[in-house]
Amino acid sequence: MRFLISGGPTHEFLDDVRYLGNPSTGGLGIAVAEAARQAAHPATLVLGPTHLADPAGVEVVRVVSANEMHAAMTDRLASADAVVMTAAVSDYRPKSRVVGKIKKGAQELVLDLVKNPDILGDLGKMAGDRVLVGFALEAAPPEEARELARGKLDAKNLDLVVLNRCGSFGGSGMEDVTVLARTGTVTELGAIDKASLARWLVDWCEREGGNGQRGKGNL
């Protein structure tokens, strides 16, 4: 079973020194890639900017922006059996990038932003019989957060969505994890470290995906 994994943040540059981003470290994507390798599965990791080292024994494709990650993921989808989209992708980018450095002036700075491509949504349209796992980071109360995650699962044609409550971004673990499957199954994992969650996800993909021959309607 060949895994295609995304990880880390994306950076959307305002000028040559400033960017829009988030605190994601890429640790979960790296953990999933390592778990796949340890289970003897080939893995490709499309990794945004991070200080963490590339995992051994895994093909790593380094990217910076959401557009670069979109291209890297869609270009490699055909060779994958399972896709795990852990990356924290910027929803917006500056409409234009300033060459050099924006100088501080007397006036307020107003940014003109445009939407980035919906990588997970586009992968869902192209997935075919591949297993597709997405993530939802929500700040809403538990029941509302679960409904939002379920809506994401349906809207983006996912097989599994991992719901994480805001508050554990960038650390070694995740504080409040719930996993929702297309079948309707809900699994409460609670507080879990990234390595354990990664192994859980690889095991789930093995059980549900087989050799990539399972159709979406058969889940």
N, C-alpha and C. Protein backbone atom coordinates (compact mmCIF):
# COMPACT_ATOMS: atom_id res chain seq x y z
N MET A 1 0.86 -1.19 0.00
CA MET A 1 0.00 0.00 0.00
C MET A 1 0.89 1.24 0.00
N ARG A 2 0.73 2.10 -0.97
CA ARG A 2 1.57 3.29 -1.08
C ARG A 2 0.85 4.50 -0.48
N PHE A 3 1.54 5.18 0.44
CA PHE A 3 0.97 6.33 1.14
C PHE A 3 1.47 7.64 0.53
N LEU A 4 0.55 8.59 0.40
CA LEU A 4 0.88 9.98 0.05
C LEU A 4 0.41 10.84 1.21
N ILE A 5 1.32 11.58 1.80
CA ILE A 5 1.05 12.30 3.04
C ILE A 5 1.46 13.76 2.87
N SER A 6 0.66 14.65 3.43
CA SER A 6 1.07 16.06 3.49
C SER A 6 1.31 16.44 4.94
N GLY A 7 2.20 17.40 5.16
CA GLY A 7 2.49 17.82 6.52
C GLY A 7 3.04 19.23 6.58
N GLY A 8 2.98 19.79 7.78
CA GLY A 8 3.53 21.12 8.01
C GLY A 8 2.59 22.23 7.63
N PRO A 9 3.05 23.47 7.76
CA PRO A 9 2.26 24.63 7.35
C PRO A 9 2.55 24.97 5.90
N THR A 10 1.87 25.97 5.40
CA THR A 10 2.32 26.65 4.18
C THR A 10 2.61 28.10 4.54
N HIS A 11 3.50 28.73 3.81
CA HIS A 11 3.84 30.14 4.00
C HIS A 11 3.44 30.91 2.75
N GLU A 12 2.70 31.99 2.97
CA GLU A 12 2.23 32.84 1.87
C GLU A 12 2.87 34.22 2.04
N PHE A 13 3.84 34.53 1.21
CA PHE A 13 4.68 35.71 1.44
C PHE A 13 3.99 37.01 1.04
N LEU A 14 4.08 37.99 1.96
CA LEU A 14 3.62 39.36 1.69
C LEU A 14 4.69 40.12 0.92
N ASP A 15 5.93 39.91 1.33
CA ASP A 15 7.09 40.51 0.67
C ASP A 15 8.23 39.51 0.81
N ASP A 16 9.44 39.95 0.69
CA ASP A 16 10.56 39.00 0.72
C ASP A 16 10.92 38.53 2.13
N VAL A 17 10.34 39.14 3.17
CA VAL A 17 10.71 38.78 4.54
C VAL A 17 9.53 38.42 5.44
N ARG A 18 8.31 38.70 5.01
CA ARG A 18 7.14 38.45 5.85
C ARG A 18 6.18 37.50 5.14
N TYR A 19 5.46 36.71 5.93
CA TYR A 19 4.51 35.77 5.34
C TYR A 19 3.33 35.52 6.28
N LEU A 20 2.25 35.02 5.71
CA LEU A 20 1.13 34.49 6.49
C LEU A 20 1.40 33.01 6.72
N GLY A 21 1.25 32.56 7.96
CA GLY A 21 1.51 31.15 8.26
C GLY A 21 0.83 30.75 9.54
N ASN A 22 1.24 29.62 10.10
CA ASN A 22 0.68 29.13 11.35
C ASN A 22 1.75 28.31 12.08
N PRO A 23 1.50 27.92 13.33
CA PRO A 23 2.56 27.28 14.13
C PRO A 23 2.78 25.79 13.86
N SER A 24 2.13 25.22 12.86
CA SER A 24 2.31 23.79 12.59
C SER A 24 3.79 23.46 12.39
N THR A 25 4.23 22.34 12.97
CA THR A 25 5.63 21.92 12.86
C THR A 25 5.85 20.85 11.79
N GLY A 26 4.77 20.23 11.33
CA GLY A 26 4.91 19.10 10.42
C GLY A 26 5.15 17.79 11.13
N GLY A 27 5.14 17.81 12.47
CA GLY A 27 5.44 16.61 13.24
C GLY A 27 4.50 15.46 12.99
N LEU A 28 3.20 15.75 12.81
CA LEU A 28 2.25 14.67 12.59
C LEU A 28 2.45 14.03 11.22
N GLY A 29 2.65 14.85 10.19
CA GLY A 29 2.90 14.29 8.87
C GLY A 29 4.15 13.42 8.85
N ILE A 30 5.19 13.87 9.53
CA ILE A 30 6.42 13.08 9.63
C ILE A 30 6.14 11.77 10.36
N ALA A 31 5.35 11.84 11.44
CA ALA A 31 5.02 10.63 12.20
C ALA A 31 4.24 9.63 11.36
N VAL A 32 3.30 10.11 10.55
CA VAL A 32 2.53 9.20 9.68
C VAL A 32 3.45 8.56 8.65
N ALA A 33 4.35 9.35 8.07
CA ALA A 33 5.29 8.80 7.09
C ALA A 33 6.18 7.73 7.73
N GLU A 34 6.64 7.99 8.95
CA GLU A 34 7.48 7.02 9.65
C GLU A 34 6.69 5.76 10.00
N ALA A 35 5.42 5.92 10.41
CA ALA A 35 4.59 4.76 10.73
C ALA A 35 4.33 3.92 9.49
N ALA A 36 4.11 4.56 8.35
CA ALA A 36 3.92 3.82 7.10
C ALA A 36 5.18 3.05 6.74
N ARG A 37 6.34 3.69 6.86
CA ARG A 37 7.60 3.03 6.55
C ARG A 37 7.84 1.84 7.47
N GLN A 38 7.56 2.03 8.76
CA GLN A 38 7.76 0.94 9.72
C GLN A 38 6.84 -0.25 9.44
N ALA A 39 5.70 0.03 8.80
CA ALA A 39 4.77 -1.04 8.42
C ALA A 39 5.07 -1.57 7.02
N ALA A 40 6.22 -1.20 6.48
CA ALA A 40 6.71 -1.69 5.18
C ALA A 40 5.91 -1.16 4.00
N HIS A 41 5.34 0.03 4.15
CA HIS A 41 4.63 0.67 3.05
C HIS A 41 5.48 1.80 2.47
N PRO A 42 5.61 1.89 1.16
CA PRO A 42 6.28 3.05 0.55
C PRO A 42 5.51 4.32 0.88
N ALA A 43 6.22 5.41 1.12
CA ALA A 43 5.55 6.65 1.50
C ALA A 43 6.24 7.85 0.86
N THR A 44 5.40 8.78 0.43
CA THR A 44 5.86 10.08 -0.05
C THR A 44 5.28 11.15 0.86
N LEU A 45 6.12 12.03 1.37
CA LEU A 45 5.70 13.10 2.26
C LEU A 45 5.92 14.44 1.59
N VAL A 46 4.83 15.17 1.35
CA VAL A 46 4.91 16.54 0.83
C VAL A 46 4.90 17.46 2.05
N LEU A 47 6.01 18.12 2.30
CA LEU A 47 6.25 18.78 3.58
C LEU A 47 6.47 20.27 3.41
N GLY A 48 5.67 21.06 4.13
CA GLY A 48 5.84 22.50 4.14
C GLY A 48 7.01 22.92 5.01
N PRO A 49 7.23 24.24 5.16
CA PRO A 49 8.40 24.75 5.89
C PRO A 49 8.41 24.27 7.35
N THR A 50 9.49 23.68 7.77
CA THR A 50 9.63 23.19 9.14
C THR A 50 11.10 23.07 9.49
N HIS A 51 11.39 23.19 10.79
CA HIS A 51 12.76 22.99 11.27
C HIS A 51 13.07 21.52 11.50
N LEU A 52 12.06 20.65 11.41
CA LEU A 52 12.27 19.23 11.67
C LEU A 52 12.98 18.56 10.50
N ALA A 53 13.75 17.53 10.82
CA ALA A 53 14.51 16.81 9.80
C ALA A 53 13.60 15.89 8.99
N ASP A 54 13.98 15.65 7.75
CA ASP A 54 13.23 14.71 6.92
C ASP A 54 13.31 13.31 7.52
N PRO A 55 12.21 12.56 7.51
CA PRO A 55 12.26 11.19 8.02
C PRO A 55 13.07 10.29 7.10
N ALA A 56 13.77 9.33 7.68
CA ALA A 56 14.59 8.41 6.90
C ALA A 56 13.71 7.40 6.16
N GLY A 57 14.15 7.01 4.98
CA GLY A 57 13.46 5.97 4.24
C GLY A 57 12.17 6.39 3.59
N VAL A 58 11.94 7.68 3.50
CA VAL A 58 10.71 8.23 2.94
C VAL A 58 11.07 9.24 1.86
N GLU A 59 10.34 9.23 0.75
CA GLU A 59 10.52 10.27 -0.26
C GLU A 59 9.91 11.56 0.27
N VAL A 60 10.69 12.61 0.36
CA VAL A 60 10.21 13.89 0.88
C VAL A 60 10.27 14.93 -0.22
N VAL A 61 9.14 15.62 -0.41
CA VAL A 61 9.04 16.71 -1.38
C VAL A 61 8.80 17.99 -0.58
N ARG A 62 9.76 18.89 -0.59
CA ARG A 62 9.64 20.14 0.17
C ARG A 62 8.91 21.20 -0.66
N VAL A 63 7.94 21.85 -0.01
CA VAL A 63 7.19 22.93 -0.66
C VAL A 63 7.10 24.10 0.32
N VAL A 64 6.65 25.24 -0.18
CA VAL A 64 6.49 26.42 0.67
C VAL A 64 5.03 26.87 0.69
N SER A 65 4.46 27.13 -0.46
CA SER A 65 3.13 27.73 -0.54
C SER A 65 2.03 26.69 -0.74
N ALA A 66 0.79 27.12 -0.58
CA ALA A 66 -0.36 26.24 -0.82
C ALA A 66 -0.41 25.82 -2.28
N ASN A 67 -0.11 26.73 -3.19
CA ASN A 67 -0.11 26.37 -4.62
C ASN A 67 0.92 25.29 -4.91
N GLU A 68 2.09 25.39 -4.30
CA GLU A 68 3.12 24.37 -4.49
C GLU A 68 2.67 23.03 -3.91
N MET A 69 2.04 23.06 -2.74
CA MET A 69 1.56 21.81 -2.14
C MET A 69 0.44 21.20 -2.98
N HIS A 70 -0.44 22.03 -3.50
CA HIS A 70 -1.52 21.54 -4.36
C HIS A 70 -0.94 20.80 -5.56
N ALA A 71 0.04 21.40 -6.21
CA ALA A 71 0.65 20.78 -7.39
C ALA A 71 1.35 19.48 -7.03
N ALA A 72 2.08 19.47 -5.92
CA ALA A 72 2.82 18.28 -5.52
C ALA A 72 1.88 17.13 -5.17
N MET A 73 0.78 17.42 -4.49
CA MET A 73 -0.15 16.37 -4.09
C MET A 73 -0.92 15.83 -5.28
N THR A 74 -1.45 16.70 -6.12
CA THR A 74 -2.24 16.23 -7.26
C THR A 74 -1.37 15.51 -8.28
N ASP A 75 -0.13 15.95 -8.45
CA ASP A 75 0.78 15.29 -9.39
C ASP A 75 1.10 13.85 -8.96
N ARG A 76 1.09 13.59 -7.66
CA ARG A 76 1.50 12.28 -7.14
C ARG A 76 0.34 11.40 -6.74
N LEU A 77 -0.88 11.88 -6.89
CA LEU A 77 -2.04 11.12 -6.45
C LEU A 77 -2.18 9.79 -7.18
N ALA A 78 -1.89 9.76 -8.46
CA ALA A 78 -2.12 8.56 -9.27
C ALA A 78 -1.36 7.35 -8.75
N SER A 79 -0.23 7.56 -8.11
CA SER A 79 0.59 6.43 -7.64
C SER A 79 0.28 6.05 -6.20
N ALA A 80 -0.71 6.69 -5.57
CA ALA A 80 -1.01 6.44 -4.16
C ALA A 80 -2.23 5.54 -3.99
N ASP A 81 -2.22 4.76 -2.91
CA ASP A 81 -3.38 3.98 -2.49
C ASP A 81 -4.10 4.63 -1.32
N ALA A 82 -3.36 5.37 -0.50
CA ALA A 82 -3.92 6.05 0.66
C ALA A 82 -3.32 7.44 0.76
N VAL A 83 -4.17 8.42 1.02
CA VAL A 83 -3.74 9.81 1.14
C VAL A 83 -4.12 10.31 2.53
N VAL A 84 -3.14 10.84 3.26
CA VAL A 84 -3.38 11.37 4.61
C VAL A 84 -2.95 12.83 4.61
N MET A 85 -3.93 13.72 4.72
CA MET A 85 -3.70 15.15 4.55
C MET A 85 -3.62 15.82 5.92
N THR A 86 -2.42 15.81 6.53
CA THR A 86 -2.26 16.41 7.85
C THR A 86 -1.86 17.88 7.80
N ALA A 87 -1.49 18.38 6.63
CA ALA A 87 -0.94 19.74 6.52
C ALA A 87 -1.94 20.80 6.98
N ALA A 88 -1.42 21.85 7.59
CA ALA A 88 -2.21 23.02 7.98
C ALA A 88 -2.02 24.08 6.90
N VAL A 89 -2.86 24.03 5.90
CA VAL A 89 -2.70 24.87 4.71
C VAL A 89 -3.34 26.23 4.93
N SER A 90 -2.65 27.28 4.55
CA SER A 90 -3.22 28.63 4.63
C SER A 90 -4.43 28.74 3.71
N ASP A 91 -5.52 29.26 4.25
CA ASP A 91 -6.73 29.41 3.44
C ASP A 91 -6.61 30.56 2.43
N TYR A 92 -5.80 31.55 2.76
CA TYR A 92 -5.68 32.74 1.91
C TYR A 92 -4.21 33.07 1.66
N ARG A 93 -3.98 33.83 0.61
CA ARG A 93 -2.65 34.35 0.29
C ARG A 93 -2.79 35.79 -0.19
N PRO A 94 -1.74 36.58 -0.09
CA PRO A 94 -1.80 37.95 -0.61
C PRO A 94 -2.07 37.93 -2.12
N LYS A 95 -2.87 38.87 -2.56
CA LYS A 95 -3.19 38.95 -3.99
C LYS A 95 -1.93 39.19 -4.81
N SER A 96 -1.01 39.95 -4.25
CA SER A 96 0.27 40.18 -4.92
C SER A 96 1.38 40.25 -3.87
N ARG A 97 2.56 39.84 -4.27
CA ARG A 97 3.73 39.86 -3.38
C ARG A 97 4.61 41.05 -3.72
N VAL A 98 4.97 41.78 -2.69
CA VAL A 98 5.82 42.95 -2.87
C VAL A 98 7.28 42.51 -2.97
N VAL A 99 7.98 43.03 -3.95
CA VAL A 99 9.41 42.75 -4.08
C VAL A 99 10.16 43.59 -3.04
N GLY A 100 11.06 42.95 -2.31
CA GLY A 100 11.78 43.66 -1.26
C GLY A 100 11.03 43.59 0.06
N LYS A 101 11.01 44.68 0.80
CA LYS A 101 10.38 44.73 2.11
C LYS A 101 9.40 45.89 2.18
N ILE A 102 8.19 45.60 2.68
CA ILE A 102 7.20 46.66 2.87
C ILE A 102 7.68 47.57 3.99
N LYS A 103 7.80 48.84 3.70
CA LYS A 103 8.27 49.81 4.70
C LYS A 103 7.13 50.26 5.60
N LYS A 104 7.44 50.43 6.87
CA LYS A 104 6.45 50.93 7.82
C LYS A 104 6.21 52.41 7.56
N GLY A 105 4.93 52.77 7.43
CA GLY A 105 4.59 54.16 7.19
C GLY A 105 3.60 54.66 8.22
N ALA A 106 3.09 55.86 8.00
CA ALA A 106 2.15 56.46 8.95
C ALA A 106 0.77 55.83 8.84
N GLN A 107 0.43 55.28 7.69
CA GLN A 107 -0.90 54.73 7.46
C GLN A 107 -0.96 53.26 7.87
N GLU A 108 -2.20 52.81 8.17
CA GLU A 108 -2.41 51.38 8.42
C GLU A 108 -2.18 50.60 7.14
N LEU A 109 -1.74 49.36 7.29
CA LEU A 109 -1.52 48.49 6.14
C LEU A 109 -2.74 47.60 5.95
N VAL A 110 -3.31 47.65 4.77
CA VAL A 110 -4.48 46.81 4.44
C VAL A 110 -4.03 45.75 3.45
N LEU A 111 -4.30 44.49 3.78
CA LEU A 111 -3.90 43.38 2.92
C LEU A 111 -5.06 42.95 2.04
N ASP A 112 -4.78 42.75 0.78
CA ASP A 112 -5.77 42.23 -0.17
C ASP A 112 -5.47 40.74 -0.34
N LEU A 113 -6.37 39.89 0.18
CA LEU A 113 -6.13 38.45 0.17
C LEU A 113 -7.06 37.74 -0.82
N VAL A 114 -6.58 36.65 -1.37
CA VAL A 114 -7.39 35.80 -2.24
C VAL A 114 -7.34 34.38 -1.70
N LYS A 115 -8.35 33.58 -2.06
CA LYS A 115 -8.43 32.22 -1.55
C LYS A 115 -7.39 31.33 -2.20
N ASN A 116 -6.82 30.45 -1.40
CA ASN A 116 -5.94 29.42 -1.92
C ASN A 116 -6.75 28.25 -2.46
N PRO A 117 -6.16 27.40 -3.28
CA PRO A 117 -6.89 26.23 -3.76
C PRO A 117 -7.25 25.31 -2.61
N ASP A 118 -8.38 24.63 -2.75
CA ASP A 118 -8.84 23.67 -1.75
C ASP A 118 -8.19 22.32 -2.07
N ILE A 119 -7.04 22.06 -1.48
CA ILE A 119 -6.28 20.86 -1.82
C ILE A 119 -7.07 19.60 -1.49
N LEU A 120 -7.63 19.55 -0.28
CA LEU A 120 -8.35 18.35 0.14
C LEU A 120 -9.61 18.15 -0.70
N GLY A 121 -10.31 19.25 -1.00
CA GLY A 121 -11.49 19.14 -1.84
C GLY A 121 -11.17 18.63 -3.22
N ASP A 122 -10.09 19.12 -3.81
CA ASP A 122 -9.69 18.66 -5.14
C ASP A 122 -9.24 17.20 -5.12
N LEU A 123 -8.53 16.80 -4.07
CA LEU A 123 -8.13 15.40 -3.95
C LEU A 123 -9.36 14.51 -3.82
N GLY A 124 -10.38 14.99 -3.10
CA GLY A 124 -11.61 14.22 -2.96
C GLY A 124 -12.30 13.98 -4.28
N LYS A 125 -12.26 14.96 -5.17
CA LYS A 125 -12.87 14.81 -6.49
C LYS A 125 -12.10 13.83 -7.36
N MET A 126 -10.80 13.69 -7.09
CA MET A 126 -9.93 12.86 -7.92
C MET A 126 -9.63 11.50 -7.30
N ALA A 127 -10.12 11.25 -6.09
CA ALA A 127 -9.62 10.12 -5.29
C ALA A 127 -9.94 8.75 -5.86
N GLY A 128 -11.08 8.60 -6.52
CA GLY A 128 -11.44 7.28 -7.02
C GLY A 128 -11.56 6.29 -5.87
N ASP A 129 -10.86 5.14 -5.97
CA ASP A 129 -10.95 4.13 -4.92
C ASP A 129 -9.84 4.25 -3.88
N ARG A 130 -9.15 5.37 -3.87
CA ARG A 130 -8.10 5.58 -2.86
C ARG A 130 -8.71 5.96 -1.52
N VAL A 131 -8.04 5.56 -0.45
CA VAL A 131 -8.43 5.98 0.89
C VAL A 131 -8.00 7.43 1.08
N LEU A 132 -8.91 8.26 1.59
CA LEU A 132 -8.61 9.69 1.77
C LEU A 132 -8.94 10.10 3.20
N VAL A 133 -7.92 10.55 3.92
CA VAL A 133 -8.06 10.95 5.31
C VAL A 133 -7.77 12.45 5.42
N GLY A 134 -8.69 13.17 6.06
CA GLY A 134 -8.51 14.60 6.28
C GLY A 134 -8.55 14.94 7.76
N PHE A 135 -8.26 16.19 8.06
CA PHE A 135 -8.24 16.67 9.44
C PHE A 135 -9.11 17.91 9.56
N ALA A 136 -9.70 18.08 10.74
CA ALA A 136 -10.50 19.26 11.03
C ALA A 136 -10.08 19.81 12.39
N LEU A 137 -9.61 21.03 12.41
CA LEU A 137 -9.24 21.71 13.66
C LEU A 137 -10.35 22.71 13.96
N GLU A 138 -11.05 22.50 15.07
CA GLU A 138 -12.22 23.32 15.38
C GLU A 138 -12.13 23.90 16.78
N ALA A 139 -12.70 25.10 16.94
CA ALA A 139 -12.74 25.77 18.24
C ALA A 139 -14.15 25.76 18.83
N ALA A 140 -15.12 25.23 18.09
CA ALA A 140 -16.52 25.22 18.53
C ALA A 140 -16.72 24.23 19.68
N PRO A 141 -17.85 24.33 20.41
CA PRO A 141 -18.17 23.33 21.43
C PRO A 141 -18.21 21.92 20.84
N PRO A 142 -18.03 20.89 21.67
CA PRO A 142 -17.85 19.52 21.16
C PRO A 142 -18.89 19.05 20.14
N GLU A 143 -20.16 19.19 20.43
CA GLU A 143 -21.18 18.68 19.51
C GLU A 143 -21.18 19.46 18.19
N GLU A 144 -21.02 20.77 18.29
CA GLU A 144 -20.97 21.58 17.07
C GLU A 144 -19.71 21.25 16.26
N ALA A 145 -18.59 21.06 16.95
CA ALA A 145 -17.35 20.70 16.27
C ALA A 145 -17.50 19.38 15.53
N ARG A 146 -18.19 18.43 16.15
CA ARG A 146 -18.40 17.13 15.50
C ARG A 146 -19.25 17.28 14.24
N GLU A 147 -20.27 18.11 14.31
CA GLU A 147 -21.11 18.33 13.13
C GLU A 147 -20.32 19.01 12.01
N LEU A 148 -19.46 19.95 12.37
CA LEU A 148 -18.62 20.61 11.37
C LEU A 148 -17.67 19.60 10.71
N ALA A 149 -17.11 18.70 11.52
CA ALA A 149 -16.22 17.68 10.97
C ALA A 149 -16.97 16.73 10.06
N ARG A 150 -18.18 16.34 10.47
CA ARG A 150 -19.00 15.47 9.63
C ARG A 150 -19.33 16.16 8.31
N GLY A 151 -19.60 17.45 8.35
CA GLY A 151 -19.87 18.19 7.12
C GLY A 151 -18.65 18.22 6.22
N LYS A 152 -17.46 18.34 6.80
CA LYS A 152 -16.23 18.33 6.00
C LYS A 152 -16.01 16.96 5.37
N LEU A 153 -16.28 15.91 6.12
CA LEU A 153 -16.13 14.55 5.60
C LEU A 153 -17.00 14.36 4.36
N ASP A 154 -18.26 14.81 4.44
CA ASP A 154 -19.18 14.64 3.32
C ASP A 154 -18.83 15.56 2.15
N ALA A 155 -18.54 16.82 2.45
CA ALA A 155 -18.31 17.81 1.39
C ALA A 155 -17.06 17.51 0.59
N LYS A 156 -16.06 16.94 1.23
CA LYS A 156 -14.77 16.72 0.56
C LYS A 156 -14.55 15.26 0.17
N ASN A 157 -15.60 14.44 0.32
CA ASN A 157 -15.55 13.04 -0.13
C ASN A 157 -14.46 12.26 0.59
N LEU A 158 -14.39 12.43 1.91
CA LEU A 158 -13.38 11.75 2.70
C LEU A 158 -13.87 10.39 3.17
N ASP A 159 -12.94 9.52 3.47
CA ASP A 159 -13.25 8.25 4.12
C ASP A 159 -13.16 8.38 5.63
N LEU A 160 -12.32 9.29 6.09
CA LEU A 160 -12.09 9.47 7.51
C LEU A 160 -11.71 10.92 7.76
N VAL A 161 -12.24 11.49 8.84
CA VAL A 161 -11.82 12.83 9.25
C VAL A 161 -11.41 12.77 10.72
N VAL A 162 -10.27 13.37 11.02
CA VAL A 162 -9.75 13.41 12.38
C VAL A 162 -10.04 14.80 12.94
N LEU A 163 -10.89 14.85 13.94
CA LEU A 163 -11.28 16.11 14.56
C LEU A 163 -10.39 16.37 15.76
N ASN A 164 -9.77 17.55 15.75
CA ASN A 164 -8.91 17.97 16.86
C ASN A 164 -9.40 19.32 17.34
N ARG A 165 -9.56 19.47 18.64
CA ARG A 165 -9.98 20.74 19.20
C ARG A 165 -8.78 21.67 19.30
N CYS A 166 -9.01 22.96 19.09
CA CYS A 166 -7.93 23.95 19.17
C CYS A 166 -7.29 23.92 20.56
N GLY A 167 -5.97 24.12 20.58
CA GLY A 167 -5.27 24.21 21.85
C GLY A 167 -4.02 23.37 21.92
N SER A 168 -3.83 22.45 20.95
CA SER A 168 -2.64 21.59 21.00
C SER A 168 -1.81 21.72 19.75
N PHE A 169 -1.89 22.87 19.09
CA PHE A 169 -1.20 23.08 17.82
C PHE A 169 0.30 23.11 18.03
N GLY A 170 1.02 22.27 17.28
CA GLY A 170 2.47 22.35 17.27
C GLY A 170 3.17 21.56 18.36
N GLY A 171 2.43 21.00 19.32
CA GLY A 171 3.07 20.24 20.38
C GLY A 171 3.34 18.80 19.97
N SER A 172 3.75 18.00 20.96
CA SER A 172 4.07 16.60 20.67
C SER A 172 2.84 15.71 20.67
N GLY A 173 1.72 16.24 21.17
CA GLY A 173 0.50 15.46 21.23
C GLY A 173 -0.71 16.28 20.86
N MET A 174 -1.87 15.60 20.87
CA MET A 174 -3.13 16.24 20.55
C MET A 174 -4.07 15.98 21.72
N GLU A 175 -4.81 17.00 22.14
CA GLU A 175 -5.49 16.94 23.43
C GLU A 175 -6.86 16.29 23.40
N ASP A 176 -7.58 16.41 22.30
CA ASP A 176 -8.98 15.97 22.29
C ASP A 176 -9.35 15.51 20.88
N VAL A 177 -9.02 14.27 20.55
CA VAL A 177 -9.16 13.77 19.19
C VAL A 177 -10.36 12.84 19.07
N THR A 178 -11.19 13.11 18.07
CA THR A 178 -12.32 12.25 17.71
C THR A 178 -12.19 11.92 16.23
N VAL A 179 -12.38 10.67 15.88
CA VAL A 179 -12.25 10.23 14.49
C VAL A 179 -13.62 9.81 13.98
N LEU A 180 -14.04 10.38 12.86
CA LEU A 180 -15.33 10.08 12.25
C LEU A 180 -15.10 9.42 10.90
N ALA A 181 -15.75 8.27 10.68
CA ALA A 181 -15.61 7.54 9.43
C ALA A 181 -16.85 7.71 8.57
N ARG A 182 -16.68 7.50 7.27
CA ARG A 182 -17.80 7.59 6.34
C ARG A 182 -18.92 6.61 6.71
N THR A 183 -18.56 5.50 7.31
CA THR A 183 -19.54 4.49 7.71
C THR A 183 -20.46 4.99 8.82
N GLY A 184 -20.09 6.08 9.49
CA GLY A 184 -20.85 6.57 10.64
C GLY A 184 -20.19 6.23 11.96
N THR A 185 -19.15 5.42 11.92
CA THR A 185 -18.43 5.07 13.14
C THR A 185 -17.71 6.28 13.73
N VAL A 186 -17.82 6.46 15.03
CA VAL A 186 -17.13 7.54 15.74
C VAL A 186 -16.22 6.91 16.79
N THR A 187 -14.94 7.27 16.75
CA THR A 187 -13.96 6.74 17.70
C THR A 187 -13.36 7.88 18.50
N GLU A 188 -13.51 7.81 19.81
CA GLU A 188 -12.94 8.83 20.70
C GLU A 188 -11.53 8.40 21.10
N LEU A 189 -10.54 9.11 20.63
CA LEU A 189 -9.15 8.81 21.00
C LEU A 189 -8.66 9.68 22.14
N GLY A 190 -9.35 10.79 22.40
CA GLY A 190 -8.98 11.67 23.50
C GLY A 190 -7.60 12.27 23.33
N ALA A 191 -6.85 12.37 24.42
CA ALA A 191 -5.48 12.89 24.36
C ALA A 191 -4.57 11.78 23.84
N ILE A 192 -3.81 12.07 22.80
CA ILE A 192 -2.98 11.06 22.17
C ILE A 192 -1.74 11.72 21.58
N ASP A 193 -0.60 11.04 21.69
CA ASP A 193 0.61 11.61 21.10
C ASP A 193 0.60 11.34 19.59
N LYS A 194 1.38 12.11 18.87
CA LYS A 194 1.34 12.06 17.40
C LYS A 194 1.80 10.72 16.85
N ALA A 195 2.79 10.10 17.48
CA ALA A 195 3.27 8.81 17.00
C ALA A 195 2.18 7.75 17.12
N SER A 196 1.44 7.77 18.23
CA SER A 196 0.37 6.79 18.43
C SER A 196 -0.77 7.03 17.45
N LEU A 197 -1.12 8.29 17.24
CA LEU A 197 -2.17 8.60 16.26
C LEU A 197 -1.74 8.18 14.87
N ALA A 198 -0.49 8.41 14.53
CA ALA A 198 0.02 8.01 13.22
C ALA A 198 -0.10 6.51 13.00
N ARG A 199 0.28 5.72 14.01
CA ARG A 199 0.15 4.26 13.90
C ARG A 199 -1.30 3.85 13.76
N TRP A 200 -2.18 4.51 14.50
CA TRP A 200 -3.62 4.21 14.42
C TRP A 200 -4.12 4.46 13.00
N LEU A 201 -3.71 5.57 12.40
CA LEU A 201 -4.17 5.91 11.06
C LEU A 201 -3.64 4.93 10.01
N VAL A 202 -2.39 4.56 10.12
CA VAL A 202 -1.83 3.59 9.17
C VAL A 202 -2.55 2.25 9.30
N ASP A 203 -2.80 1.81 10.54
CA ASP A 203 -3.54 0.56 10.76
C ASP A 203 -4.93 0.65 10.15
N TRP A 204 -5.60 1.78 10.34
CA TRP A 204 -6.95 1.96 9.80
C TRP A 204 -6.93 1.90 8.28
N CYS A 205 -5.98 2.56 7.67
CA CYS A 205 -5.89 2.54 6.21
C CYS A 205 -5.64 1.12 5.70
N GLU A 206 -4.82 0.36 6.40
CA GLU A 206 -4.57 -1.03 6.02
C GLU A 206 -5.85 -1.85 6.07
N ARG A 207 -6.63 -1.68 7.13
CA ARG A 207 -7.86 -2.46 7.29
C ARG A 207 -8.91 -2.06 6.26
N GLU A 208 -9.09 -0.76 6.07
CA GLU A 208 -10.18 -0.28 5.23
C GLU A 208 -9.82 -0.17 3.76
N GLY A 209 -8.54 0.02 3.49
CA GLY A 209 -8.14 0.26 2.12
C GLY A 209 -7.64 -0.94 1.36
N GLY A 210 -7.16 -1.94 2.10
CA GLY A 210 -6.61 -3.10 1.41
C GLY A 210 -5.51 -2.68 0.46
N ASN A 211 -5.67 -3.03 -0.79
CA ASN A 211 -4.69 -2.67 -1.83
C ASN A 211 -5.18 -1.54 -2.72
N GLY A 212 -6.06 -0.71 -2.18
CA GLY A 212 -6.55 0.42 -2.95
C GLY A 212 -7.65 0.05 -3.92
N GLN A 213 -8.29 -1.12 -3.74
CA GLN A 213 -9.32 -1.56 -4.66
C GLN A 213 -10.73 -1.32 -4.12
N ARG A 214 -10.86 -0.67 -2.96
CA ARG A 214 -12.17 -0.45 -2.38
C ARG A 214 -12.80 0.80 -2.94
N GLY A 215 -14.04 0.69 -3.41
CA GLY A 215 -14.75 1.85 -3.92
C GLY A 215 -15.34 2.67 -2.79
N LYS A 216 -15.59 3.95 -3.04
CA LYS A 216 -16.11 4.83 -2.00
C LYS A 216 -17.47 4.36 -1.50
N GLY A 217 -18.26 3.80 -2.38
CA GLY A 217 -19.60 3.40 -1.97
C GLY A 217 -19.64 2.15 -1.12
N ASN A 218 -18.51 1.47 -0.94
CA ASN A 218 -18.50 0.21 -0.22
C ASN A 218 -18.01 0.34 1.21
N LEU A 219 -17.81 1.56 1.66
CA LEU A 219 -17.31 1.75 3.02
C LEU A 219 -18.38 1.39 4.04
